[in-house]
Structure formats: C-alpha cells, structure tokens
PDB file of all heavy atoms in Angstrom:
ATOM      1  N   ARG A   1      -9.777 -23.098  27.430  1.00  0.00           N
ATOM      2  CA  ARG A   1      -8.972 -24.346  27.133  1.00  0.00           C
ATOM      3  C   ARG A   1      -9.719 -25.611  27.204  1.00  0.00           C
ATOM      4  O   ARG A   1     -10.549 -25.776  28.157  1.00  0.00           O
ATOM      5  CB  ARG A   1      -7.794 -24.423  28.195  1.00  0.00           C
ATOM      6  CG  ARG A   1      -6.912 -25.561  27.987  1.00  0.00           C
ATOM      7  CD  ARG A   1      -5.929 -25.663  29.112  1.00  0.00           C
ATOM      8  NE  ARG A   1      -4.870 -24.733  28.973  1.00  0.00           N
ATOM      9  CZ  ARG A   1      -3.882 -24.552  29.873  1.00  0.00           C
ATOM     10  NH1 ARG A   1      -3.863 -25.203  31.016  1.00  0.00           N
ATOM     11  NH2 ARG A   1      -2.973 -23.559  29.656  1.00  0.00           N
ATOM     12  N   GLY A   2      -9.632 -26.425  26.224  1.00  0.00           N
ATOM     13  CA  GLY A   2     -10.287 -27.765  26.191  1.00  0.00           C
ATOM     14  C   GLY A   2     -11.815 -27.611  25.828  1.00  0.00           C
ATOM     15  O   GLY A   2     -12.488 -28.678  25.792  1.00  0.00           O
ATOM     16  N   GLN A   3     -12.328 -26.428  25.626  1.00  0.00           N
ATOM     17  CA  GLN A   3     -13.711 -26.178  25.318  1.00  0.00           C
ATOM     18  C   GLN A   3     -13.903 -25.588  23.936  1.00  0.00           C
ATOM     19  O   GLN A   3     -14.768 -26.100  23.140  1.00  0.00           O
ATOM     20  CB  GLN A   3     -14.350 -25.263  26.393  1.00  0.00           C
ATOM     21  CG  GLN A   3     -14.193 -25.667  27.832  1.00  0.00           C
ATOM     22  CD  GLN A   3     -14.980 -26.958  28.137  1.00  0.00           C
ATOM     23  OE1 GLN A   3     -16.039 -27.130  27.575  1.00  0.00           O
ATOM     24  NE2 GLN A   3     -14.513 -27.733  29.021  1.00  0.00           N
ATOM     25  N   ILE A   4     -13.124 -24.577  23.589  1.00  0.00           N
ATOM     26  CA  ILE A   4     -13.208 -23.893  22.301  1.00  0.00           C
ATOM     27  C   ILE A   4     -11.752 -23.664  21.762  1.00  0.00           C
ATOM     28  O   ILE A   4     -10.935 -23.207  22.535  1.00  0.00           O
ATOM     29  CB  ILE A   4     -13.932 -22.536  22.496  1.00  0.00           C
ATOM     30  CG1 ILE A   4     -15.447 -22.788  22.876  1.00  0.00           C
ATOM     31  CG2 ILE A   4     -13.859 -21.757  21.190  1.00  0.00           C
ATOM     32  CD1 ILE A   4     -16.163 -21.540  23.234  1.00  0.00           C
ATOM     33  N   ALA A   5     -11.490 -24.033  20.508  1.00  0.00           N
ATOM     34  CA  ALA A   5     -10.187 -23.737  19.975  1.00  0.00           C
ATOM     35  C   ALA A   5     -10.178 -22.292  19.504  1.00  0.00           C
ATOM     36  O   ALA A   5     -10.754 -21.884  18.541  1.00  0.00           O
ATOM     37  CB  ALA A   5      -9.979 -24.731  18.766  1.00  0.00           C
ATOM     38  N   VAL A   6      -9.476 -21.545  20.311  1.00  0.00           N
ATOM     39  CA  VAL A   6      -9.353 -20.092  20.020  1.00  0.00           C
ATOM     40  C   VAL A   6      -8.693 -19.766  18.736  1.00  0.00           C
ATOM     41  O   VAL A   6      -7.633 -20.360  18.356  1.00  0.00           O
ATOM     42  CB  VAL A   6      -8.602 -19.428  21.193  1.00  0.00           C
ATOM     43  CG1 VAL A   6      -8.361 -17.878  20.871  1.00  0.00           C
ATOM     44  CG2 VAL A   6      -9.300 -19.550  22.508  1.00  0.00           C
ATOM     45  N   GLY A   7      -9.321 -18.920  17.924  1.00  0.00           N
ATOM     46  CA  GLY A   7      -8.889 -18.625  16.614  1.00  0.00           C
ATOM     47  C   GLY A   7      -9.217 -19.587  15.521  1.00  0.00           C
ATOM     48  O   GLY A   7      -8.995 -19.287  14.381  1.00  0.00           O
ATOM     49  N   ARG A   8     -10.001 -20.674  15.840  1.00  0.00           N
ATOM     50  CA  ARG A   8     -10.387 -21.610  14.878  1.00  0.00           C
ATOM     51  C   ARG A   8     -11.886 -21.868  14.959  1.00  0.00           C
ATOM     52  O   ARG A   8     -12.663 -21.697  14.004  1.00  0.00           O
ATOM     53  CB  ARG A   8      -9.687 -22.932  15.043  1.00  0.00           C
ATOM     54  CG  ARG A   8      -9.974 -23.939  13.874  1.00  0.00           C
ATOM     55  CD  ARG A   8      -9.418 -25.340  14.277  1.00  0.00           C
ATOM     56  NE  ARG A   8     -10.164 -25.962  15.331  1.00  0.00           N
ATOM     57  CZ  ARG A   8      -9.898 -27.133  15.926  1.00  0.00           C
ATOM     58  NH1 ARG A   8      -8.755 -27.674  15.615  1.00  0.00           N
ATOM     59  NH2 ARG A   8     -10.662 -27.589  16.875  1.00  0.00           N
ATOM     60  N   ASP A   9     -12.392 -22.197  16.092  1.00  0.00           N
ATOM     61  CA  ASP A   9     -13.847 -22.470  16.243  1.00  0.00           C
ATOM     62  C   ASP A   9     -14.668 -21.208  16.258  1.00  0.00           C
ATOM     63  O   ASP A   9     -14.206 -20.195  16.815  1.00  0.00           O
ATOM     64  CB  ASP A   9     -14.109 -23.306  17.625  1.00  0.00           C
ATOM     65  CG  ASP A   9     -13.525 -24.678  17.583  1.00  0.00           C
ATOM     66  OD1 ASP A   9     -13.142 -25.070  16.527  1.00  0.00           O
ATOM     67  OD2 ASP A   9     -13.386 -25.215  18.672  1.00  0.00           O
ATOM     68  N   GLY A  10     -15.911 -21.277  15.693  1.00  0.00           N
ATOM     69  CA  GLY A  10     -16.769 -20.191  15.849  1.00  0.00           C
ATOM     70  C   GLY A  10     -17.442 -20.169  17.253  1.00  0.00           C
ATOM     71  O   GLY A  10     -17.753 -21.228  17.767  1.00  0.00           O
ATOM     72  N   TYR A  11     -17.619 -19.063  17.810  1.00  0.00           N
ATOM     73  CA  TYR A  11     -18.266 -18.982  19.130  1.00  0.00           C
ATOM     74  C   TYR A  11     -18.795 -17.599  19.388  1.00  0.00           C
ATOM     75  O   TYR A  11     -18.406 -16.559  18.670  1.00  0.00           O
ATOM     76  CB  TYR A  11     -17.295 -19.413  20.213  1.00  0.00           C
ATOM     77  CG  TYR A  11     -16.116 -18.516  20.516  1.00  0.00           C
ATOM     78  CD1 TYR A  11     -16.120 -17.623  21.586  1.00  0.00           C
ATOM     79  CD2 TYR A  11     -14.961 -18.494  19.675  1.00  0.00           C
ATOM     80  CE1 TYR A  11     -15.006 -16.803  21.870  1.00  0.00           C
ATOM     81  CE2 TYR A  11     -13.895 -17.661  19.931  1.00  0.00           C
ATOM     82  CZ  TYR A  11     -13.933 -16.838  21.001  1.00  0.00           C
ATOM     83  OH  TYR A  11     -12.875 -16.047  21.291  1.00  0.00           O
ATOM     84  N   ALA A  12     -19.612 -17.463  20.383  1.00  0.00           N
ATOM     85  CA  ALA A  12     -20.165 -16.157  20.777  1.00  0.00           C
ATOM     86  C   ALA A  12     -19.976 -15.933  22.230  1.00  0.00           C
ATOM     87  O   ALA A  12     -19.808 -16.887  23.010  1.00  0.00           O
ATOM     88  CB  ALA A  12     -21.660 -16.077  20.466  1.00  0.00           C
ATOM     89  N   VAL A  13     -19.965 -14.695  22.637  1.00  0.00           N
ATOM     90  CA  VAL A  13     -19.749 -14.303  24.032  1.00  0.00           C
ATOM     91  C   VAL A  13     -20.870 -13.389  24.399  1.00  0.00           C
ATOM     92  O   VAL A  13     -21.237 -12.386  23.615  1.00  0.00           O
ATOM     93  CB  VAL A  13     -18.418 -13.680  24.363  1.00  0.00           C
ATOM     94  CG1 VAL A  13     -18.313 -13.103  25.778  1.00  0.00           C
ATOM     95  CG2 VAL A  13     -17.172 -14.607  24.033  1.00  0.00           C
ATOM     96  N   VAL A  14     -21.430 -13.554  25.593  1.00  0.00           N
ATOM     97  CA  VAL A  14     -22.498 -12.702  26.122  1.00  0.00           C
ATOM     98  C   VAL A  14     -22.240 -12.309  27.519  1.00  0.00           C
ATOM     99  O   VAL A  14     -21.403 -12.973  28.231  1.00  0.00           O
ATOM    100  CB  VAL A  14     -23.951 -13.358  25.949  1.00  0.00           C
ATOM    101  CG1 VAL A  14     -24.283 -13.571  24.539  1.00  0.00           C
ATOM    102  CG2 VAL A  14     -23.913 -14.609  26.849  1.00  0.00           C
ATOM    103  N   VAL A  15     -22.898 -11.319  27.968  1.00  0.00           N
ATOM    104  CA  VAL A  15     -22.981 -10.898  29.434  1.00  0.00           C
ATOM    105  C   VAL A  15     -24.154 -11.592  30.052  1.00  0.00           C
ATOM    106  O   VAL A  15     -25.229 -11.533  29.464  1.00  0.00           O
ATOM    107  CB  VAL A  15     -23.009  -9.421  29.635  1.00  0.00           C
ATOM    108  CG1 VAL A  15     -23.030  -9.047  31.146  1.00  0.00           C
ATOM    109  CG2 VAL A  15     -21.731  -8.762  29.018  1.00  0.00           C
ATOM    110  N   ALA A  16     -24.002 -12.153  31.163  1.00  0.00           N
ATOM    111  CA  ALA A  16     -25.187 -12.789  31.884  1.00  0.00           C
ATOM    112  C   ALA A  16     -24.986 -12.692  33.376  1.00  0.00           C
ATOM    113  O   ALA A  16     -23.937 -12.288  33.856  1.00  0.00           O
ATOM    114  CB  ALA A  16     -25.311 -14.178  31.362  1.00  0.00           C
ATOM    115  N   GLY A  17     -26.102 -13.035  34.054  1.00  0.00           N
ATOM    116  CA  GLY A  17     -26.039 -13.013  35.517  1.00  0.00           C
ATOM    117  C   GLY A  17     -25.704 -11.652  36.033  1.00  0.00           C
ATOM    118  O   GLY A  17     -26.284 -10.608  35.599  1.00  0.00           O
ATOM    119  N   ALA A  18     -24.903 -11.469  37.064  1.00  0.00           N
ATOM    120  CA  ALA A  18     -24.676 -10.183  37.674  1.00  0.00           C
ATOM    121  C   ALA A  18     -23.521  -9.441  36.861  1.00  0.00           C
ATOM    122  O   ALA A  18     -23.159  -8.306  37.396  1.00  0.00           O
ATOM    123  CB  ALA A  18     -24.121 -10.449  39.110  1.00  0.00           C
ATOM    124  N   GLY A  19     -23.073 -10.013  35.792  1.00  0.00           N
ATOM    125  CA  GLY A  19     -22.071  -9.280  34.933  1.00  0.00           C
ATOM    126  C   GLY A  19     -20.810  -9.961  34.626  1.00  0.00           C
ATOM    127  O   GLY A  19     -19.756  -9.446  34.493  1.00  0.00           O
ATOM    128  N   ASP A  20     -20.927 -11.246  34.500  1.00  0.00           N
ATOM    129  CA  ASP A  20     -19.706 -12.048  34.047  1.00  0.00           C
ATOM    130  C   ASP A  20     -19.913 -12.396  32.526  1.00  0.00           C
ATOM    131  O   ASP A  20     -20.965 -12.260  31.921  1.00  0.00           O
ATOM    132  CB  ASP A  20     -19.632 -13.335  34.786  1.00  0.00           C
ATOM    133  CG  ASP A  20     -18.974 -13.158  36.146  1.00  0.00           C
ATOM    134  OD1 ASP A  20     -17.874 -12.533  36.148  1.00  0.00           O
ATOM    135  OD2 ASP A  20     -19.420 -13.659  37.156  1.00  0.00           O
ATOM    136  N   LEU A  21     -18.796 -12.789  31.861  1.00  0.00           N
ATOM    137  CA  LEU A  21     -18.801 -13.118  30.363  1.00  0.00           C
ATOM    138  C   LEU A  21     -18.843 -14.605  30.284  1.00  0.00           C
ATOM    139  O   LEU A  21     -18.120 -15.380  30.946  1.00  0.00           O
ATOM    140  CB  LEU A  21     -17.544 -12.598  29.734  1.00  0.00           C
ATOM    141  CG  LEU A  21     -17.238 -11.093  29.902  1.00  0.00           C
ATOM    142  CD1 LEU A  21     -15.991 -10.667  29.146  1.00  0.00           C
ATOM    143  CD2 LEU A  21     -18.428 -10.222  29.483  1.00  0.00           C
ATOM    144  N   TYR A  22     -19.630 -15.009  29.329  1.00  0.00           N
ATOM    145  CA  TYR A  22     -19.803 -16.517  29.045  1.00  0.00           C
ATOM    146  C   TYR A  22     -19.678 -16.758  27.595  1.00  0.00           C
ATOM    147  O   TYR A  22     -20.255 -15.940  26.747  1.00  0.00           O
ATOM    148  CB  TYR A  22     -21.205 -16.954  29.546  1.00  0.00           C
ATOM    149  CG  TYR A  22     -21.328 -16.935  31.020  1.00  0.00           C
ATOM    150  CD1 TYR A  22     -21.773 -15.697  31.612  1.00  0.00           C
ATOM    151  CD2 TYR A  22     -21.159 -18.042  31.791  1.00  0.00           C
ATOM    152  CE1 TYR A  22     -21.903 -15.664  32.976  1.00  0.00           C
ATOM    153  CE2 TYR A  22     -21.274 -17.963  33.132  1.00  0.00           C
ATOM    154  CZ  TYR A  22     -21.671 -16.821  33.753  1.00  0.00           C
ATOM    155  OH  TYR A  22     -21.848 -16.737  35.178  1.00  0.00           O
ATOM    156  N   ALA A  23     -19.078 -17.837  27.137  1.00  0.00           N
ATOM    157  CA  ALA A  23     -18.916 -18.207  25.692  1.00  0.00           C
ATOM    158  C   ALA A  23     -19.670 -19.405  25.417  1.00  0.00           C
ATOM    159  O   ALA A  23     -19.953 -20.261  26.314  1.00  0.00           O
ATOM    160  CB  ALA A  23     -17.464 -18.457  25.479  1.00  0.00           C
ATOM    161  N   VAL A  24     -20.171 -19.473  24.172  1.00  0.00           N
ATOM    162  CA  VAL A  24     -20.836 -20.716  23.685  1.00  0.00           C
ATOM    163  C   VAL A  24     -20.395 -20.994  22.286  1.00  0.00           C
ATOM    164  O   VAL A  24     -20.207 -20.085  21.502  1.00  0.00           O
ATOM    165  CB  VAL A  24     -22.385 -20.567  23.746  1.00  0.00           C
ATOM    166  CG1 VAL A  24     -22.845 -19.417  22.863  1.00  0.00           C
ATOM    167  CG2 VAL A  24     -23.148 -21.820  23.422  1.00  0.00           C
ATOM    168  N   ARG A  25     -20.185 -22.295  21.979  1.00  0.00           N
ATOM    169  CA  ARG A  25     -19.763 -22.636  20.678  1.00  0.00           C
ATOM    170  C   ARG A  25     -20.867 -22.354  19.619  1.00  0.00           C
ATOM    171  O   ARG A  25     -21.996 -22.303  19.939  1.00  0.00           O
ATOM    172  CB  ARG A  25     -19.394 -24.201  20.672  1.00  0.00           C
ATOM    173  CG  ARG A  25     -18.122 -24.537  21.491  1.00  0.00           C
ATOM    174  CD  ARG A  25     -18.016 -26.034  21.566  1.00  0.00           C
ATOM    175  NE  ARG A  25     -17.916 -26.700  20.262  1.00  0.00           N
ATOM    176  CZ  ARG A  25     -16.850 -26.830  19.556  1.00  0.00           C
ATOM    177  NH1 ARG A  25     -15.681 -26.479  20.091  1.00  0.00           N
ATOM    178  NH2 ARG A  25     -16.852 -27.361  18.445  1.00  0.00           N
ATOM    179  N   ALA A  26     -20.431 -22.273  18.400  1.00  0.00           N
ATOM    180  CA  ALA A  26     -21.289 -22.025  17.296  1.00  0.00           C
ATOM    181  C   ALA A  26     -22.323 -23.192  17.141  1.00  0.00           C
ATOM    182  O   ALA A  26     -23.461 -22.922  16.701  1.00  0.00           O
ATOM    183  CB  ALA A  26     -20.607 -21.870  16.006  1.00  0.00           C
ATOM    184  N   GLN A  27     -22.014 -24.375  17.615  1.00  0.00           N
ATOM    185  CA  GLN A  27     -22.954 -25.476  17.565  1.00  0.00           C
ATOM    186  C   GLN A  27     -23.947 -25.526  18.774  1.00  0.00           C
ATOM    187  O   GLN A  27     -24.733 -26.304  18.874  1.00  0.00           O
ATOM    188  CB  GLN A  27     -22.191 -26.772  17.565  1.00  0.00           C
ATOM    189  CG  GLN A  27     -21.365 -26.949  16.239  1.00  0.00           C
ATOM    190  CD  GLN A  27     -20.007 -26.213  16.315  1.00  0.00           C
ATOM    191  OE1 GLN A  27     -19.636 -25.737  17.312  1.00  0.00           O
ATOM    192  NE2 GLN A  27     -19.404 -26.116  15.182  1.00  0.00           N
ATOM    193  N   GLY A  28     -23.721 -24.550  19.773  1.00  0.00           N
ATOM    194  CA  GLY A  28     -24.539 -24.539  21.000  1.00  0.00           C
ATOM    195  C   GLY A  28     -23.899 -25.501  22.027  1.00  0.00           C
ATOM    196  O   GLY A  28     -22.838 -26.058  21.906  1.00  0.00           O
ATOM    197  N   GLY A  29     -24.733 -25.690  23.090  1.00  0.00           N
ATOM    198  CA  GLY A  29     -24.360 -26.494  24.171  1.00  0.00           C
ATOM    199  C   GLY A  29     -24.066 -25.824  25.488  1.00  0.00           C
ATOM    200  O   GLY A  29     -24.471 -24.596  25.602  1.00  0.00           O
ATOM    201  N   PRO A  30     -23.388 -26.406  26.397  1.00  0.00           N
ATOM    202  CA  PRO A  30     -23.075 -25.694  27.738  1.00  0.00           C
ATOM    203  C   PRO A  30     -22.251 -24.434  27.526  1.00  0.00           C
ATOM    204  O   PRO A  30     -21.349 -24.337  26.697  1.00  0.00           O
ATOM    205  CB  PRO A  30     -22.304 -26.708  28.497  1.00  0.00           C
ATOM    206  CG  PRO A  30     -22.611 -28.034  27.786  1.00  0.00           C
ATOM    207  CD  PRO A  30     -22.763 -27.664  26.387  1.00  0.00           C
ATOM    208  N   VAL A  31     -22.542 -23.418  28.279  1.00  0.00           N
ATOM    209  CA  VAL A  31     -21.751 -22.205  28.257  1.00  0.00           C
ATOM    210  C   VAL A  31     -20.447 -22.420  28.990  1.00  0.00           C
ATOM    211  O   VAL A  31     -20.354 -23.215  29.901  1.00  0.00           O
ATOM    212  CB  VAL A  31     -22.539 -20.945  28.780  1.00  0.00           C
ATOM    213  CG1 VAL A  31     -23.704 -20.742  27.942  1.00  0.00           C
ATOM    214  CG2 VAL A  31     -22.876 -21.159  30.248  1.00  0.00           C
ATOM    215  N   VAL A  32     -19.446 -21.604  28.623  1.00  0.00           N
ATOM    216  CA  VAL A  32     -18.099 -21.684  29.233  1.00  0.00           C
ATOM    217  C   VAL A  32     -17.895 -20.334  29.958  1.00  0.00           C
ATOM    218  O   VAL A  32     -17.798 -19.248  29.204  1.00  0.00           O
ATOM    219  CB  VAL A  32     -17.014 -21.992  28.265  1.00  0.00           C
ATOM    220  CG1 VAL A  32     -15.639 -22.064  29.022  1.00  0.00           C
ATOM    221  CG2 VAL A  32     -17.313 -23.256  27.490  1.00  0.00           C
ATOM    222  N   PRO A  33     -17.710 -20.232  31.239  1.00  0.00           N
ATOM    223  CA  PRO A  33     -17.434 -18.914  31.905  1.00  0.00           C
ATOM    224  C   PRO A  33     -15.996 -18.440  31.478  1.00  0.00           C
ATOM    225  O   PRO A  33     -15.051 -19.182  31.360  1.00  0.00           O
ATOM    226  CB  PRO A  33     -17.412 -19.302  33.443  1.00  0.00           C
ATOM    227  CG  PRO A  33     -18.127 -20.520  33.477  1.00  0.00           C
ATOM    228  CD  PRO A  33     -17.834 -21.315  32.219  1.00  0.00           C
ATOM    229  N   ILE A  34     -16.005 -17.130  31.192  1.00  0.00           N
ATOM    230  CA  ILE A  34     -14.746 -16.474  30.818  1.00  0.00           C
ATOM    231  C   ILE A  34     -14.151 -15.616  31.974  1.00  0.00           C
ATOM    232  O   ILE A  34     -12.970 -15.637  32.217  1.00  0.00           O
ATOM    233  CB  ILE A  34     -14.906 -15.573  29.591  1.00  0.00           C
ATOM    234  CG1 ILE A  34     -15.161 -16.392  28.334  1.00  0.00           C
ATOM    235  CG2 ILE A  34     -13.629 -14.771  29.290  1.00  0.00           C
ATOM    236  CD1 ILE A  34     -15.427 -15.589  27.081  1.00  0.00           C
ATOM    237  N   THR A  35     -15.096 -14.955  32.670  1.00  0.00           N
ATOM    238  CA  THR A  35     -14.663 -14.155  33.855  1.00  0.00           C
ATOM    239  C   THR A  35     -15.375 -14.672  35.042  1.00  0.00           C
ATOM    240  O   THR A  35     -16.457 -15.262  34.926  1.00  0.00           O
ATOM    241  CB  THR A  35     -15.039 -12.712  33.672  1.00  0.00           C
ATOM    242  OG1 THR A  35     -16.376 -12.466  33.398  1.00  0.00           O
ATOM    243  CG2 THR A  35     -14.183 -12.114  32.383  1.00  0.00           C
ATOM    244  N   PHE A  36     -14.719 -14.453  36.178  1.00  0.00           N
ATOM    245  CA  PHE A  36     -15.235 -14.970  37.460  1.00  0.00           C
ATOM    246  C   PHE A  36     -15.174 -13.881  38.547  1.00  0.00           C
ATOM    247  O   PHE A  36     -15.204 -14.181  39.705  1.00  0.00           O
ATOM    248  CB  PHE A  36     -14.480 -16.170  37.976  1.00  0.00           C
ATOM    249  CG  PHE A  36     -14.346 -17.337  36.924  1.00  0.00           C
ATOM    250  CD1 PHE A  36     -13.299 -17.266  35.945  1.00  0.00           C
ATOM    251  CD2 PHE A  36     -15.222 -18.383  36.963  1.00  0.00           C
ATOM    252  CE1 PHE A  36     -13.346 -18.334  34.958  1.00  0.00           C
ATOM    253  CE2 PHE A  36     -15.133 -19.426  36.131  1.00  0.00           C
ATOM    254  CZ  PHE A  36     -14.157 -19.385  35.091  1.00  0.00           C
ATOM    255  N   SER A  37     -15.098 -12.610  38.184  1.00  0.00           N
ATOM    256  CA  SER A  37     -14.880 -11.583  39.134  1.00  0.00           C
ATOM    257  C   SER A  37     -16.172 -11.188  39.814  1.00  0.00           C
ATOM    258  O   SER A  37     -17.292 -11.502  39.393  1.00  0.00           O
ATOM    259  CB  SER A  37     -14.235 -10.362  38.380  1.00  0.00           C
ATOM    260  OG  SER A  37     -15.189  -9.736  37.624  1.00  0.00           O
ATOM    261  N   ARG A  38     -15.956 -10.386  40.905  1.00  0.00           N
ATOM    262  CA  ARG A  38     -17.177  -9.804  41.594  1.00  0.00           C
ATOM    263  C   ARG A  38     -17.397  -8.441  41.154  1.00  0.00           C
ATOM    264  O   ARG A  38     -18.316  -7.770  41.648  1.00  0.00           O
ATOM    265  CB  ARG A  38     -16.860  -9.852  43.139  1.00  0.00           C
ATOM    266  CG  ARG A  38     -16.884 -11.283  43.672  1.00  0.00           C
ATOM    267  CD  ARG A  38     -16.030 -11.379  45.053  1.00  0.00           C
ATOM    268  NE  ARG A  38     -16.393 -10.338  45.923  1.00  0.00           N
ATOM    269  CZ  ARG A  38     -15.534 -10.008  46.959  1.00  0.00           C
ATOM    270  NH1 ARG A  38     -14.369 -10.628  47.074  1.00  0.00           N
ATOM    271  NH2 ARG A  38     -15.868  -9.021  47.725  1.00  0.00           N
ATOM    272  N   VAL A  39     -16.723  -7.973  40.094  1.00  0.00           N
ATOM    273  CA  VAL A  39     -16.962  -6.636  39.546  1.00  0.00           C
ATOM    274  C   VAL A  39     -17.550  -6.870  38.105  1.00  0.00           C
ATOM    275  O   VAL A  39     -17.117  -7.780  37.419  1.00  0.00           O
ATOM    276  CB  VAL A  39     -15.678  -5.852  39.442  1.00  0.00           C
ATOM    277  CG1 VAL A  39     -15.924  -4.511  38.809  1.00  0.00           C
ATOM    278  CG2 VAL A  39     -15.044  -5.668  40.796  1.00  0.00           C
ATOM    279  N   ALA A  40     -18.549  -6.174  37.799  1.00  0.00           N
ATOM    280  CA  ALA A  40     -19.295  -6.391  36.481  1.00  0.00           C
ATOM    281  C   ALA A  40     -18.349  -6.168  35.292  1.00  0.00           C
ATOM    282  O   ALA A  40     -17.611  -5.213  35.145  1.00  0.00           O
ATOM    283  CB  ALA A  40     -20.526  -5.502  36.388  1.00  0.00           C
ATOM    284  N   GLU A  41     -18.439  -7.115  34.289  1.00  0.00           N
ATOM    285  CA  GLU A  41     -17.886  -6.959  32.977  1.00  0.00           C
ATOM    286  C   GLU A  41     -18.958  -6.600  32.026  1.00  0.00           C
ATOM    287  O   GLU A  41     -19.998  -7.294  32.024  1.00  0.00           O
ATOM    288  CB  GLU A  41     -17.100  -8.225  32.591  1.00  0.00           C
ATOM    289  CG  GLU A  41     -15.666  -8.368  33.200  1.00  0.00           C
ATOM    290  CD  GLU A  41     -15.820  -9.141  34.526  1.00  0.00           C
ATOM    291  OE1 GLU A  41     -16.640  -9.879  34.800  1.00  0.00           O
ATOM    292  OE2 GLU A  41     -14.886  -8.830  35.340  1.00  0.00           O
TER     293      GLU A  41
END
C-alpha cells in the first residue's frame, strides 16, 4: 500500500536475507518488505 499499485505497476519480488519476500518497482529504488515472519518464505 502506498508503494506499488497492485495490478497496475510493474514490479518484481525476490527472497532475501533469512527468507523474507521483498518487492521492487520496475523503475528500481528502495525495496518494500512483503513478509515479516520468523519462518522462511
């Protein structure tokens, strides 16, 4: 919310760190955390 317009903006998601999901806009820039759990995604 407020970072990427879901269903409209292009973006990518990767796994990083200890196993959380992060999104980045197609134009690049700061990543947006999607998950915050202590169990790997």
